[in-house]
Structures are given as structure tokens and as C-alpha cells.
Amino acid sequence: MPANDAIQAPIYHTLIQEHGDVVATARKAAEETQQTAEDLLDFSTPARAGTPAAPTS
């Protein structure tokens, strides 16, 4: 079944009404987690505010 056929399925809309859009919620959480990981693992810039910087001599 093509992806656009799922949009036409009435059961999908019923499930969203009953349980919320779990797929969209999971997608948002994954994107936020990915962004957090990218920020934490970005060593190309100096430490951000609130993060202690390495001491300089």
C-alpha cells in the first residue's frame, strides 16, 4: 500500500483521536535527541555558556 493511501484510511484518524499522533510525537522526540547529541558532540566551537571552559595558562 502506498504511503498516501494510509492518509485515506479512516482507522488511522480514529486511532489518532483516541491515542494521539504517536508517530509524530516519536519523530519529534528523535529529532530533539539528535539535535542534543549533535550539540554535545560538537567540538568545533568553544564551550557554550553554562559549560565550564578548559582553563587557560
PDB file of N, CA and C in Angstrom:
ATOM      1  N   MET A   1       0.839  -1.172   0.000  1.00  0.00           N
ATOM      2  CA  MET A   1       0.000   0.000   0.000  1.00  0.00           C
ATOM      3  C   MET A   1       0.892   1.245   0.000  1.00  0.00           C
ATOM      4  N   PRO A   2       0.702   2.151  -0.931  1.00  0.00           N
ATOM      5  CA  PRO A   2       1.488   3.395  -0.958  1.00  0.00           C
ATOM      6  C   PRO A   2       1.212   4.237   0.282  1.00  0.00           C
ATOM      7  N   ALA A   3       2.186   5.040   0.638  1.00  0.00           N
ATOM      8  CA  ALA A   3       2.091   5.849   1.857  1.00  0.00           C
ATOM      9  C   ALA A   3       0.889   6.782   1.834  1.00  0.00           C
ATOM     10  N   ASN A   4       0.560   7.344   0.684  1.00  0.00           N
ATOM     11  CA  ASN A   4      -0.551   8.297   0.626  1.00  0.00           C
ATOM     12  C   ASN A   4      -1.902   7.608   0.824  1.00  0.00           C
ATOM     13  N   ASP A   5      -1.995   6.292   0.628  1.00  0.00           N
ATOM     14  CA  ASP A   5      -3.235   5.572   0.892  1.00  0.00           C
ATOM     15  C   ASP A   5      -3.525   5.514   2.386  1.00  0.00           C
ATOM     16  N   ALA A   6      -2.492   5.521   3.220  1.00  0.00           N
ATOM     17  CA  ALA A   6      -2.681   5.473   4.662  1.00  0.00           C
ATOM     18  C   ALA A   6      -3.417   6.716   5.153  1.00  0.00           C
ATOM     19  N   ILE A   7      -3.229   7.832   4.477  1.00  0.00           N
ATOM     20  CA  ILE A   7      -3.893   9.074   4.865  1.00  0.00           C
ATOM     21  C   ILE A   7      -5.407   8.929   4.686  1.00  0.00           C
ATOM     22  N   GLN A   8      -5.839   8.159   3.720  1.00  0.00           N
ATOM     23  CA  GLN A   8      -7.246   7.973   3.432  1.00  0.00           C
ATOM     24  C   GLN A   8      -7.909   6.957   4.366  1.00  0.00           C
ATOM     25  N   ALA A   9      -7.121   6.178   5.107  1.00  0.00           N
ATOM     26  CA  ALA A   9      -7.682   5.130   5.960  1.00  0.00           C
ATOM     27  C   ALA A   9      -8.366   5.742   7.178  1.00  0.00           C
ATOM     28  N   PRO A  10      -9.659   5.539   7.340  1.00  0.00           N
ATOM     29  CA  PRO A  10     -10.374   6.143   8.472  1.00  0.00           C
ATOM     30  C   PRO A  10      -9.900   5.614   9.823  1.00  0.00           C
ATOM     31  N   ILE A  11      -9.403   4.384   9.866  1.00  0.00           N
ATOM     32  CA  ILE A  11      -8.949   3.838  11.144  1.00  0.00           C
ATOM     33  C   ILE A  11      -7.760   4.637  11.686  1.00  0.00           C
ATOM     34  N   TYR A  12      -6.923   5.163  10.795  1.00  0.00           N
ATOM     35  CA  TYR A  12      -5.769   5.952  11.220  1.00  0.00           C
ATOM     36  C   TYR A  12      -6.235   7.197  11.973  1.00  0.00           C
ATOM     37  N   HIS A  13      -7.227   7.879  11.432  1.00  0.00           N
ATOM     38  CA  HIS A  13      -7.739   9.090  12.079  1.00  0.00           C
ATOM     39  C   HIS A  13      -8.399   8.762  13.415  1.00  0.00           C
ATOM     40  N   THR A  14      -9.083   7.639  13.489  1.00  0.00           N
ATOM     41  CA  THR A  14      -9.704   7.213  14.742  1.00  0.00           C
ATOM     42  C   THR A  14      -8.646   6.928  15.798  1.00  0.00           C
ATOM     43  N   LEU A  15      -7.587   6.236  15.404  1.00  0.00           N
ATOM     44  CA  LEU A  15      -6.514   5.934  16.343  1.00  0.00           C
ATOM     45  C   LEU A  15      -5.839   7.207  16.847  1.00  0.00           C
ATOM     46  N   ILE A  16      -5.646   8.171  15.963  1.00  0.00           N
ATOM     47  CA  ILE A  16      -5.037   9.444  16.376  1.00  0.00           C
ATOM     48  C   ILE A  16      -5.949  10.156  17.372  1.00  0.00           C
ATOM     49  N   GLN A  17      -7.235  10.133  17.125  1.00  0.00           N
ATOM     50  CA  GLN A  17      -8.166  10.773  18.056  1.00  0.00           C
ATOM     51  C   GLN A  17      -8.132  10.090  19.420  1.00  0.00           C
ATOM     52  N   GLU A  18      -8.010   8.768  19.427  1.00  0.00           N
ATOM     53  CA  GLU A  18      -8.030   8.028  20.687  1.00  0.00           C
ATOM     54  C   GLU A  18      -6.700   8.076  21.439  1.00  0.00           C
ATOM     55  N   HIS A  19      -5.587   8.021  20.705  1.00  0.00           N
ATOM     56  CA  HIS A  19      -4.282   7.856  21.343  1.00  0.00           C
ATOM     57  C   HIS A  19      -3.301   8.983  21.071  1.00  0.00           C
ATOM     58  N   GLY A  20      -3.660   9.938  20.266  1.00  0.00           N
ATOM     59  CA  GLY A  20      -2.733  10.986  19.869  1.00  0.00           C
ATOM     60  C   GLY A  20      -1.875  10.509  18.711  1.00  0.00           C
ATOM     61  N   ASP A  21      -1.153  11.414  18.109  1.00  0.00           N
ATOM     62  CA  ASP A  21      -0.316  11.060  16.956  1.00  0.00           C
ATOM     63  C   ASP A  21       1.033  10.566  17.459  1.00  0.00           C
ATOM     64  N   VAL A  22       1.089   9.284  17.770  1.00  0.00           N
ATOM     65  CA  VAL A  22       2.281   8.681  18.354  1.00  0.00           C
ATOM     66  C   VAL A  22       3.464   8.774  17.400  1.00  0.00           C
ATOM     67  N   VAL A  23       3.226   8.618  16.125  1.00  0.00           N
ATOM     68  CA  VAL A  23       4.311   8.678  15.140  1.00  0.00           C
ATOM     69  C   VAL A  23       4.930  10.076  15.124  1.00  0.00           C
ATOM     70  N   ALA A  24       4.106  11.111  15.111  1.00  0.00           N
ATOM     71  CA  ALA A  24       4.627  12.483  15.114  1.00  0.00           C
ATOM     72  C   ALA A  24       5.362  12.787  16.419  1.00  0.00           C
ATOM     73  N   THR A  25       4.840  12.308  17.527  1.00  0.00           N
ATOM     74  CA  THR A  25       5.481  12.522  18.820  1.00  0.00           C
ATOM     75  C   THR A  25       6.846  11.841  18.866  1.00  0.00           C
ATOM     76  N   ALA A  26       6.905  10.612  18.371  1.00  0.00           N
ATOM     77  CA  ALA A  26       8.173   9.880  18.346  1.00  0.00           C
ATOM     78  C   ALA A  26       9.169  10.558  17.413  1.00  0.00           C
ATOM     79  N   ARG A  27       8.692  11.039  16.272  1.00  0.00           N
ATOM     80  CA  ARG A  27       9.573  11.732  15.326  1.00  0.00           C
ATOM     81  C   ARG A  27      10.161  12.989  15.957  1.00  0.00           C
ATOM     82  N   LYS A  28       9.323  13.760  16.659  1.00  0.00           N
ATOM     83  CA  LYS A  28       9.798  14.992  17.307  1.00  0.00           C
ATOM     84  C   LYS A  28      10.828  14.668  18.385  1.00  0.00           C
ATOM     85  N   ALA A  29      10.556  13.642  19.187  1.00  0.00           N
ATOM     86  CA  ALA A  29      11.494  13.249  20.239  1.00  0.00           C
ATOM     87  C   ALA A  29      12.823  12.812  19.637  1.00  0.00           C
ATOM     88  N   ALA A  30      12.775  12.080  18.531  1.00  0.00           N
ATOM     89  CA  ALA A  30      14.006  11.628  17.873  1.00  0.00           C
ATOM     90  C   ALA A  30      14.795  12.816  17.329  1.00  0.00           C
ATOM     91  N   GLU A  31      14.108  13.779  16.729  1.00  0.00           N
ATOM     92  CA  GLU A  31      14.788  14.966  16.204  1.00  0.00           C
ATOM     93  C   GLU A  31      15.428  15.773  17.331  1.00  0.00           C
ATOM     94  N   GLU A  32      14.723  15.922  18.458  1.00  0.00           N
ATOM     95  CA  GLU A  32      15.273  16.667  19.592  1.00  0.00           C
ATOM     96  C   GLU A  32      16.484  15.943  20.175  1.00  0.00           C
ATOM     97  N   THR A  33      16.405  14.624  20.259  1.00  0.00           N
ATOM     98  CA  THR A  33      17.522  13.837  20.773  1.00  0.00           C
ATOM     99  C   THR A  33      18.718  13.946  19.849  1.00  0.00           C
ATOM    100  N   GLN A  34      18.464  13.891  18.546  1.00  0.00           N
ATOM    101  CA  GLN A  34      19.552  14.012  17.573  1.00  0.00           C
ATOM    102  C   GLN A  34      20.212  15.386  17.671  1.00  0.00           C
ATOM    103  N   GLN A  35      19.403  16.436  17.823  1.00  0.00           N
ATOM    104  CA  GLN A  35      19.963  17.785  17.938  1.00  0.00           C
ATOM    105  C   GLN A  35      20.783  17.921  19.212  1.00  0.00           C
ATOM    106  N   THR A  36      20.296  17.379  20.312  1.00  0.00           N
ATOM    107  CA  THR A  36      21.031  17.420  21.579  1.00  0.00           C
ATOM    108  C   THR A  36      22.365  16.699  21.444  1.00  0.00           C
ATOM    109  N   ALA A  37      22.348  15.530  20.820  1.00  0.00           N
ATOM    110  CA  ALA A  37      23.587  14.765  20.627  1.00  0.00           C
ATOM    111  C   ALA A  37      24.563  15.541  19.758  1.00  0.00           C
ATOM    112  N   GLU A  38      24.067  16.151  18.684  1.00  0.00           N
ATOM    113  CA  GLU A  38      24.945  16.937  17.815  1.00  0.00           C
ATOM    114  C   GLU A  38      25.560  18.101  18.586  1.00  0.00           C
ATOM    115  N   ASP A  39      24.758  18.766  19.416  1.00  0.00           N
ATOM    116  CA  ASP A  39      25.270  19.890  20.201  1.00  0.00           C
ATOM    117  C   ASP A  39      26.330  19.431  21.201  1.00  0.00           C
ATOM    118  N   LEU A  40      26.081  18.316  21.851  1.00  0.00           N
ATOM    119  CA  LEU A  40      27.020  17.825  22.857  1.00  0.00           C
ATOM    120  C   LEU A  40      28.309  17.296  22.245  1.00  0.00           C
ATOM    121  N   LEU A  41      28.232  16.801  21.037  1.00  0.00           N
ATOM    122  CA  LEU A  41      29.409  16.208  20.408  1.00  0.00           C
ATOM    123  C   LEU A  41      30.107  17.160  19.441  1.00  0.00           C
ATOM    124  N   ASP A  42      29.680  18.425  19.415  1.00  0.00           N
ATOM    125  CA  ASP A  42      30.292  19.418  18.528  1.00  0.00           C
ATOM    126  C   ASP A  42      31.508  20.024  19.219  1.00  0.00           C
ATOM    127  N   PHE A  43      32.676  19.570  18.849  1.00  0.00           N
ATOM    128  CA  PHE A  43      33.911  20.058  19.449  1.00  0.00           C
ATOM    129  C   PHE A  43      34.561  21.153  18.606  1.00  0.00           C
ATOM    130  N   SER A  44      33.864  21.628  17.582  1.00  0.00           N
ATOM    131  CA  SER A  44      34.452  22.622  16.692  1.00  0.00           C
ATOM    132  C   SER A  44      34.345  24.046  17.239  1.00  0.00           C
ATOM    133  N   THR A  45      33.503  24.259  18.244  1.00  0.00           N
ATOM    134  CA  THR A  45      33.350  25.598  18.797  1.00  0.00           C
ATOM    135  C   THR A  45      33.733  25.592  20.275  1.00  0.00           C
ATOM    136  N   PRO A  46      34.073  26.761  20.824  1.00  0.00           N
ATOM    137  CA  PRO A  46      34.390  26.840  22.252  1.00  0.00           C
ATOM    138  C   PRO A  46      33.176  26.450  23.090  1.00  0.00           C
ATOM    139  N   ALA A  47      33.414  26.211  24.350  1.00  0.00           N
ATOM    140  CA  ALA A  47      32.341  25.812  25.262  1.00  0.00           C
ATOM    141  C   ALA A  47      31.242  26.869  25.277  1.00  0.00           C
ATOM    142  N   ARG A  48      30.019  26.431  25.388  1.00  0.00           N
ATOM    143  CA  ARG A  48      28.885  27.341  25.434  1.00  0.00           C
ATOM    144  C   ARG A  48      28.692  27.866  26.862  1.00  0.00           C
ATOM    145  N   ALA A  49      27.893  28.909  26.984  1.00  0.00           N
ATOM    146  CA  ALA A  49      27.592  29.482  28.305  1.00  0.00           C
ATOM    147  C   ALA A  49      26.990  28.400  29.192  1.00  0.00           C
ATOM    148  N   GLY A  50      27.428  28.354  30.419  1.00  0.00           N
ATOM    149  CA  GLY A  50      26.932  27.352  31.352  1.00  0.00           C
ATOM    150  C   GLY A  50      27.773  26.103  31.374  1.00  0.00           C
ATOM    151  N   THR A  51      28.644  25.951  30.416  1.00  0.00           N
ATOM    152  CA  THR A  51      29.543  24.801  30.364  1.00  0.00           C
ATOM    153  C   THR A  51      30.932  25.312  30.716  1.00  0.00           C
ATOM    154  N   PRO A  52      31.575  24.747  31.717  1.00  0.00           N
ATOM    155  CA  PRO A  52      32.902  25.252  32.076  1.00  0.00           C
ATOM    156  C   PRO A  52      33.910  25.070  30.936  1.00  0.00           C
ATOM    157  N   ALA A  53      34.643  26.123  30.693  1.00  0.00           N
ATOM    158  CA  ALA A  53      35.682  26.051  29.658  1.00  0.00           C
ATOM    159  C   ALA A  53      36.969  25.503  30.259  1.00  0.00           C
ATOM    160  N   ALA A  54      37.807  24.985  29.418  1.00  0.00           N
ATOM    161  CA  ALA A  54      39.113  24.470  29.874  1.00  0.00           C
ATOM    162  C   ALA A  54      39.940  25.643  30.380  1.00  0.00           C
ATOM    163  N   PRO A  55      40.671  25.461  31.473  1.00  0.00           N
ATOM    164  CA  PRO A  55      41.488  26.559  31.998  1.00  0.00           C
ATOM    165  C   PRO A  55      42.615  26.927  31.027  1.00  0.00           C
ATOM    166  N   THR A  56      42.890  28.218  30.963  1.00  0.00           N
ATOM    167  CA  THR A  56      43.987  28.686  30.114  1.00  0.00           C
ATOM    168  C   THR A  56      45.131  29.132  30.999  1.00  0.00           C
ATOM    169  N   SER A  57      46.342  29.024  30.509  1.00  0.00           N
ATOM    170  CA  SER A  57      47.514  29.406  31.311  1.00  0.00           C
ATOM    171  C   SER A  57      47.987  30.783  30.947  1.00  0.00           C
TER     172      SER A  57
END
